[in-house]
């Protein structure tokens, strides 16, 4: 395998991210794909972006402040 290097953007591994692990992926220029050194996930840029979008569903309300009126107490 070629020398590991970061891609132009720091993509997070979708497989690790779903398990609450924040692992950056590396880019292999020869194969044109990203890979994770922790869980052996590999995929194209489009595949990584699509799966990271699924993981964002978990954190969609992270920046929202909830008040007592929004809950059924």
PDB file of N, CA and C in Angstrom:
ATOM      1  N   UNK A   1       0.841  -1.165   0.000  1.00  0.00           N
ATOM      2  CA  UNK A   1       0.000   0.000   0.000  1.00  0.00           C
ATOM      3  C   UNK A   1       0.893   1.237   0.000  1.00  0.00           C
ATOM      4  N   UNK A   2       0.435   2.279  -0.661  1.00  0.00           N
ATOM      5  CA  UNK A   2       1.194   3.517  -0.735  1.00  0.00           C
ATOM      6  C   UNK A   2       1.284   4.178   0.640  1.00  0.00           C
ATOM      7  N   UNK A   3       2.185   5.113   0.732  1.00  0.00           N
ATOM      8  CA  UNK A   3       2.327   5.865   1.985  1.00  0.00           C
ATOM      9  C   UNK A   3       1.000   6.532   2.328  1.00  0.00           C
ATOM     10  N   UNK A   4       0.552   6.384   3.550  1.00  0.00           N
ATOM     11  CA  UNK A   4      -0.723   6.945   3.980  1.00  0.00           C
ATOM     12  C   UNK A   4      -0.630   8.459   4.015  1.00  0.00           C
ATOM     13  N   UNK A   5      -1.636   9.102   3.464  1.00  0.00           N
ATOM     14  CA  UNK A   5      -1.693  10.559   3.510  1.00  0.00           C
ATOM     15  C   UNK A   5      -3.142  10.991   3.617  1.00  0.00           C
ATOM     16  N   UNK A   6      -3.322  12.168   4.207  1.00  0.00           N
ATOM     17  CA  UNK A   6      -4.668  12.713   4.320  1.00  0.00           C
ATOM     18  C   UNK A   6      -5.131  13.171   2.953  1.00  0.00           C
ATOM     19  N   UNK A   7      -6.425  13.121   2.726  1.00  0.00           N
ATOM     20  CA  UNK A   7      -6.986  13.639   1.488  1.00  0.00           C
ATOM     21  C   UNK A   7      -7.064  15.156   1.538  1.00  0.00           C
ATOM     22  N   UNK A   8      -7.681  15.746   0.527  1.00  0.00           N
ATOM     23  CA  UNK A   8      -7.768  17.205   0.504  1.00  0.00           C
ATOM     24  C   UNK A   8      -8.690  17.723   1.603  1.00  0.00           C
ATOM     25  N   UNK A   9      -9.633  16.904   2.028  1.00  0.00           N
ATOM     26  CA  UNK A   9     -10.500  17.218   3.156  1.00  0.00           C
ATOM     27  C   UNK A   9     -10.395  16.091   4.165  1.00  0.00           C
ATOM     28  N   UNK A  10     -10.609  16.401   5.420  1.00  0.00           N
ATOM     29  CA  UNK A  10     -10.575  15.369   6.450  1.00  0.00           C
ATOM     30  C   UNK A  10     -11.957  14.736   6.575  1.00  0.00           C
ATOM     31  N   UNK A  11     -12.111  13.574   5.959  1.00  0.00           N
ATOM     32  CA  UNK A  11     -13.362  12.834   6.068  1.00  0.00           C
ATOM     33  C   UNK A  11     -13.265  11.888   7.255  1.00  0.00           C
ATOM     34  N   UNK A  12     -14.385  11.714   7.930  1.00  0.00           N
ATOM     35  CA  UNK A  12     -14.448  10.781   9.046  1.00  0.00           C
ATOM     36  C   UNK A  12     -14.939   9.431   8.539  1.00  0.00           C
ATOM     37  N   UNK A  13     -14.414   8.385   9.118  1.00  0.00           N
ATOM     38  CA  UNK A  13     -14.831   7.044   8.731  1.00  0.00           C
ATOM     39  C   UNK A  13     -16.282   6.834   9.152  1.00  0.00           C
ATOM     40  N   UNK A  14     -17.183   6.520   8.215  1.00  0.00           N
ATOM     41  CA  UNK A  14     -18.592   6.345   8.568  1.00  0.00           C
ATOM     42  C   UNK A  14     -18.828   5.177   9.520  1.00  0.00           C
ATOM     43  N   UNK A  15     -18.094   4.109   9.349  1.00  0.00           N
ATOM     44  CA  UNK A  15     -18.263   2.942  10.202  1.00  0.00           C
ATOM     45  C   UNK A  15     -17.866   3.261  11.644  1.00  0.00           C
ATOM     46  N   UNK A  16     -16.742   3.908  11.829  1.00  0.00           N
ATOM     47  CA  UNK A  16     -16.285   4.281  13.175  1.00  0.00           C
ATOM     48  C   UNK A  16     -17.158   5.387  13.764  1.00  0.00           C
ATOM     49  N   UNK A  17     -17.588   6.334  12.912  1.00  0.00           N
ATOM     50  CA  UNK A  17     -18.378   7.471  13.388  1.00  0.00           C
ATOM     51  C   UNK A  17     -19.729   7.019  13.947  1.00  0.00           C
ATOM     52  N   UNK A  18     -20.299   5.975  13.377  1.00  0.00           N
ATOM     53  CA  UNK A  18     -21.557   5.443  13.907  1.00  0.00           C
ATOM     54  C   UNK A  18     -21.379   4.823  15.291  1.00  0.00           C
ATOM     55  N   UNK A  19     -20.140   4.461  15.612  1.00  0.00           N
ATOM     56  CA  UNK A  19     -19.833   3.909  16.944  1.00  0.00           C
ATOM     57  C   UNK A  19     -19.202   4.958  17.849  1.00  0.00           C
ATOM     58  N   UNK A  20     -19.418   6.241  17.513  1.00  0.00           N
ATOM     59  CA  UNK A  20     -18.930   7.391  18.296  1.00  0.00           C
ATOM     60  C   UNK A  20     -17.414   7.449  18.387  1.00  0.00           C
ATOM     61  N   UNK A  21     -16.741   7.019  17.331  1.00  0.00           N
ATOM     62  CA  UNK A  21     -15.291   7.151  17.235  1.00  0.00           C
ATOM     63  C   UNK A  21     -14.981   8.148  16.129  1.00  0.00           C
ATOM     64  N   UNK A  22     -14.175   9.124  16.421  1.00  0.00           N
ATOM     65  CA  UNK A  22     -13.863  10.170  15.457  1.00  0.00           C
ATOM     66  C   UNK A  22     -12.507   9.867  14.820  1.00  0.00           C
ATOM     67  N   UNK A  23     -12.525   9.065  13.748  1.00  0.00           N
ATOM     68  CA  UNK A  23     -11.308   8.622  13.089  1.00  0.00           C
ATOM     69  C   UNK A  23     -11.264   9.236  11.687  1.00  0.00           C
ATOM     70  N   UNK A  24     -10.178   9.943  11.372  1.00  0.00           N
ATOM     71  CA  UNK A  24     -10.000  10.495  10.035  1.00  0.00           C
ATOM     72  C   UNK A  24      -9.594   9.394   9.068  1.00  0.00           C
ATOM     73  N   UNK A  25     -10.027   9.544   7.820  1.00  0.00           N
ATOM     74  CA  UNK A  25      -9.688   8.578   6.787  1.00  0.00           C
ATOM     75  C   UNK A  25      -8.462   9.053   6.013  1.00  0.00           C
ATOM     76  N   UNK A  26      -7.779   8.133   5.397  1.00  0.00           N
ATOM     77  CA  UNK A  26      -6.628   8.422   4.560  1.00  0.00           C
ATOM     78  C   UNK A  26      -6.999   8.158   3.111  1.00  0.00           C
ATOM     79  N   UNK A  27      -6.267   8.772   2.200  1.00  0.00           N
ATOM     80  CA  UNK A  27      -6.553   8.658   0.775  1.00  0.00           C
ATOM     81  C   UNK A  27      -5.438   7.893   0.076  1.00  0.00           C
ATOM     82  N   UNK A  28      -5.820   6.926  -0.737  1.00  0.00           N
ATOM     83  CA  UNK A  28      -4.875   6.158  -1.536  1.00  0.00           C
ATOM     84  C   UNK A  28      -4.964   6.654  -2.981  1.00  0.00           C
ATOM     85  N   UNK A  29      -3.926   7.344  -3.439  1.00  0.00           N
ATOM     86  CA  UNK A  29      -3.933   7.922  -4.784  1.00  0.00           C
ATOM     87  C   UNK A  29      -3.978   6.845  -5.865  1.00  0.00           C
ATOM     88  N   UNK A  30      -3.310   5.735  -5.638  1.00  0.00           N
ATOM     89  CA  UNK A  30      -3.257   4.673  -6.652  1.00  0.00           C
ATOM     90  C   UNK A  30      -4.639   4.097  -6.936  1.00  0.00           C
ATOM     91  N   UNK A  31      -5.408   3.850  -5.896  1.00  0.00           N
ATOM     92  CA  UNK A  31      -6.750   3.277  -6.055  1.00  0.00           C
ATOM     93  C   UNK A  31      -7.835   4.335  -6.167  1.00  0.00           C
ATOM     94  N   UNK A  32      -7.542   5.561  -5.750  1.00  0.00           N
ATOM     95  CA  UNK A  32      -8.531   6.635  -5.807  1.00  0.00           C
ATOM     96  C   UNK A  32      -9.645   6.461  -4.794  1.00  0.00           C
ATOM     97  N   UNK A  33      -9.310   5.924  -3.616  1.00  0.00           N
ATOM     98  CA  UNK A  33     -10.332   5.705  -2.601  1.00  0.00           C
ATOM     99  C   UNK A  33      -9.799   6.040  -1.216  1.00  0.00           C
ATOM    100  N   UNK A  34     -10.728   6.265  -0.320  1.00  0.00           N
ATOM    101  CA  UNK A  34     -10.403   6.554   1.073  1.00  0.00           C
ATOM    102  C   UNK A  34     -10.448   5.263   1.866  1.00  0.00           C
ATOM    103  N   UNK A  35      -9.643   5.206   2.933  1.00  0.00           N
ATOM    104  CA  UNK A  35      -9.646   4.010   3.770  1.00  0.00           C
ATOM    105  C   UNK A  35      -9.394   4.393   5.225  1.00  0.00           C
ATOM    106  N   UNK A  36      -9.872   3.536   6.119  1.00  0.00           N
ATOM    107  CA  UNK A  36      -9.723   3.732   7.562  1.00  0.00           C
ATOM    108  C   UNK A  36      -8.670   2.753   8.068  1.00  0.00           C
ATOM    109  N   UNK A  37      -7.750   3.254   8.882  1.00  0.00           N
ATOM    110  CA  UNK A  37      -6.710   2.370   9.393  1.00  0.00           C
ATOM    111  C   UNK A  37      -7.168   1.615  10.638  1.00  0.00           C
ATOM    112  N   UNK A  38      -8.329   1.958  11.169  1.00  0.00           N
ATOM    113  CA  UNK A  38      -8.810   1.288  12.376  1.00  0.00           C
ATOM    114  C   UNK A  38      -9.742   0.115  12.058  1.00  0.00           C
ATOM    115  N   UNK A  39     -10.662   0.311  11.133  1.00  0.00           N
ATOM    116  CA  UNK A  39     -11.672  -0.734  10.897  1.00  0.00           C
ATOM    117  C   UNK A  39     -11.619  -1.329   9.496  1.00  0.00           C
ATOM    118  N   UNK A  40     -10.689  -0.918   8.671  1.00  0.00           N
ATOM    119  CA  UNK A  40     -10.515  -1.442   7.316  1.00  0.00           C
ATOM    120  C   UNK A  40     -11.641  -1.072   6.359  1.00  0.00           C
ATOM    121  N   UNK A  41     -12.386  -0.014   6.648  1.00  0.00           N
ATOM    122  CA  UNK A  41     -13.414   0.479   5.725  1.00  0.00           C
ATOM    123  C   UNK A  41     -12.732   1.164   4.546  1.00  0.00           C
ATOM    124  N   UNK A  42     -13.207   0.914   3.331  1.00  0.00           N
ATOM    125  CA  UNK A  42     -12.727   1.603   2.142  1.00  0.00           C
ATOM    126  C   UNK A  42     -13.920   2.067   1.329  1.00  0.00           C
ATOM    127  N   UNK A  43     -13.750   3.166   0.614  1.00  0.00           N
ATOM    128  CA  UNK A  43     -14.833   3.663  -0.223  1.00  0.00           C
ATOM    129  C   UNK A  43     -14.430   4.890  -1.001  1.00  0.00           C
ATOM    130  N   UNK A  44     -15.209   5.174  -2.030  1.00  0.00           N
ATOM    131  CA  UNK A  44     -14.966   6.370  -2.828  1.00  0.00           C
ATOM    132  C   UNK A  44     -15.438   7.600  -2.056  1.00  0.00           C
ATOM    133  N   UNK A  45     -15.100   8.765  -2.571  1.00  0.00           N
ATOM    134  CA  UNK A  45     -15.495  10.010  -1.910  1.00  0.00           C
ATOM    135  C   UNK A  45     -17.016  10.121  -1.818  1.00  0.00           C
ATOM    136  N   UNK A  46     -17.717   9.754  -2.879  1.00  0.00           N
ATOM    137  CA  UNK A  46     -19.180   9.828  -2.884  1.00  0.00           C
ATOM    138  C   UNK A  46     -19.782   8.874  -1.858  1.00  0.00           C
ATOM    139  N   UNK A  47     -19.217   7.683  -1.757  1.00  0.00           N
ATOM    140  CA  UNK A  47     -19.688   6.688  -0.792  1.00  0.00           C
ATOM    141  C   UNK A  47     -19.493   7.180   0.644  1.00  0.00           C
ATOM    142  N   UNK A  48     -18.328   7.758   0.917  1.00  0.00           N
ATOM    143  CA  UNK A  48     -18.024   8.263   2.256  1.00  0.00           C
ATOM    144  C   UNK A  48     -18.964   9.415   2.619  1.00  0.00           C
ATOM    145  N   UNK A  49     -19.189  10.331   1.686  1.00  0.00           N
ATOM    146  CA  UNK A  49     -20.078  11.468   1.950  1.00  0.00           C
ATOM    147  C   UNK A  49     -21.513  11.017   2.193  1.00  0.00           C
ATOM    148  N   UNK A  50     -21.989  10.055   1.414  1.00  0.00           N
ATOM    149  CA  UNK A  50     -23.356   9.564   1.591  1.00  0.00           C
ATOM    150  C   UNK A  50     -23.532   8.883   2.946  1.00  0.00           C
ATOM    151  N   UNK A  51     -22.589   8.083   3.345  1.00  0.00           N
ATOM    152  CA  UNK A  51     -22.707   7.385   4.633  1.00  0.00           C
ATOM    153  C   UNK A  51     -22.494   8.324   5.808  1.00  0.00           C
ATOM    154  N   UNK A  52     -21.671   9.354   5.649  1.00  0.00           N
ATOM    155  CA  UNK A  52     -21.528  10.344   6.716  1.00  0.00           C
ATOM    156  C   UNK A  52     -22.797  11.159   6.872  1.00  0.00           C
ATOM    157  N   UNK A  53     -23.521  11.365   5.795  1.00  0.00           N
ATOM    158  CA  UNK A  53     -24.793  12.079   5.881  1.00  0.00           C
ATOM    159  C   UNK A  53     -25.794  11.270   6.708  1.00  0.00           C
ATOM    160  N   UNK A  54     -25.787   9.958   6.587  1.00  0.00           N
ATOM    161  CA  UNK A  54     -26.658   9.115   7.404  1.00  0.00           C
ATOM    162  C   UNK A  54     -26.298   9.224   8.883  1.00  0.00           C
ATOM    163  N   UNK A  55     -25.023   9.344   9.173  1.00  0.00           N
ATOM    164  CA  UNK A  55     -24.587   9.455  10.570  1.00  0.00           C
ATOM    165  C   UNK A  55     -24.971  10.796  11.177  1.00  0.00           C
ATOM    166  N   UNK A  56     -25.123  11.826  10.357  1.00  0.00           N
ATOM    167  CA  UNK A  56     -25.481  13.153  10.863  1.00  0.00           C
ATOM    168  C   UNK A  56     -26.903  13.217  11.411  1.00  0.00           C
ATOM    169  N   UNK A  57     -27.735  12.255  11.046  1.00  0.00           N
ATOM    170  CA  UNK A  57     -29.110  12.219  11.558  1.00  0.00           C
ATOM    171  C   UNK A  57     -29.098  12.150  13.082  1.00  0.00           C
ATOM    172  N   UNK A  58     -28.129  11.461  13.628  1.00  0.00           N
ATOM    173  CA  UNK A  58     -28.021  11.316  15.075  1.00  0.00           C
ATOM    174  C   UNK A  58     -27.776  12.664  15.762  1.00  0.00           C
ATOM    175  N   UNK A  59     -27.085  13.557  15.086  1.00  0.00           N
ATOM    176  CA  UNK A  59     -26.673  14.818  15.694  1.00  0.00           C
ATOM    177  C   UNK A  59     -27.404  16.031  15.122  1.00  0.00           C
ATOM    178  N   UNK A  60     -28.548  15.850  14.478  1.00  0.00           N
ATOM    179  CA  UNK A  60     -29.227  16.949  13.797  1.00  0.00           C
ATOM    180  C   UNK A  60     -29.690  18.038  14.749  1.00  0.00           C
ATOM    181  N   UNK A  61     -29.992  17.732  15.995  1.00  0.00           N
ATOM    182  CA  UNK A  61     -30.488  18.728  16.941  1.00  0.00           C
ATOM    183  C   UNK A  61     -29.424  19.135  17.955  1.00  0.00           C
ATOM    184  N   UNK A  62     -28.179  18.869  17.657  1.00  0.00           N
ATOM    185  CA  UNK A  62     -27.114  19.149  18.619  1.00  0.00           C
ATOM    186  C   UNK A  62     -27.034  20.637  18.968  1.00  0.00           C
ATOM    187  N   UNK A  63     -27.231  21.511  17.999  1.00  0.00           N
ATOM    188  CA  UNK A  63     -27.111  22.946  18.239  1.00  0.00           C
ATOM    189  C   UNK A  63     -28.395  23.604  18.703  1.00  0.00           C
ATOM    190  N   UNK A  64     -29.482  22.866  18.819  1.00  0.00           N
ATOM    191  CA  UNK A  64     -30.772  23.435  19.212  1.00  0.00           C
ATOM    192  C   UNK A  64     -30.911  23.429  20.723  1.00  0.00           C
ATOM    193  N   UNK A  65     -31.432  24.520  21.251  1.00  0.00           N
ATOM    194  CA  UNK A  65     -31.675  24.595  22.688  1.00  0.00           C
ATOM    195  C   UNK A  65     -33.137  24.252  22.953  1.00  0.00           C
ATOM    196  N   UNK A  66     -33.372  23.276  23.796  1.00  0.00           N
ATOM    197  CA  UNK A  66     -34.717  22.838  24.124  1.00  0.00           C
ATOM    198  C   UNK A  66     -35.166  23.492  25.423  1.00  0.00           C
ATOM    199  N   UNK A  67     -36.414  23.881  25.469  1.00  0.00           N
ATOM    200  CA  UNK A  67     -36.999  24.486  26.670  1.00  0.00           C
ATOM    201  C   UNK A  67     -38.078  23.566  27.224  1.00  0.00           C
ATOM    202  N   UNK A  68     -38.554  23.884  28.418  1.00  0.00           N
ATOM    203  CA  UNK A  68     -39.571  23.042  29.067  1.00  0.00           C
ATOM    204  C   UNK A  68     -40.876  22.997  28.268  1.00  0.00           C
ATOM    205  N   UNK A  69     -41.189  24.079  27.552  1.00  0.00           N
ATOM    206  CA  UNK A  69     -42.436  24.105  26.775  1.00  0.00           C
ATOM    207  C   UNK A  69     -42.452  23.089  25.657  1.00  0.00           C
ATOM    208  N   UNK A  70     -41.298  22.649  25.219  1.00  0.00           N
ATOM    209  CA  UNK A  70     -41.212  21.705  24.111  1.00  0.00           C
ATOM    210  C   UNK A  70     -41.375  20.251  24.551  1.00  0.00           C
ATOM    211  N   UNK A  71     -41.400  20.022  25.844  1.00  0.00           N
ATOM    212  CA  UNK A  71     -41.538  18.665  26.354  1.00  0.00           C
ATOM    213  C   UNK A  71     -42.901  18.479  27.007  1.00  0.00           C
ATOM    214  N   UNK A  72     -43.423  17.277  26.925  1.00  0.00           N
ATOM    215  CA  UNK A  72     -44.664  16.932  27.620  1.00  0.00           C
ATOM    216  C   UNK A  72     -44.318  16.464  29.022  1.00  0.00           C
ATOM    217  N   UNK A  73     -44.465  17.319  29.981  1.00  0.00           N
ATOM    218  CA  UNK A  73     -44.115  16.942  31.349  1.00  0.00           C
ATOM    219  C   UNK A  73     -45.296  16.472  32.118  1.00  0.00           C
TER     220      UNK A  73
END
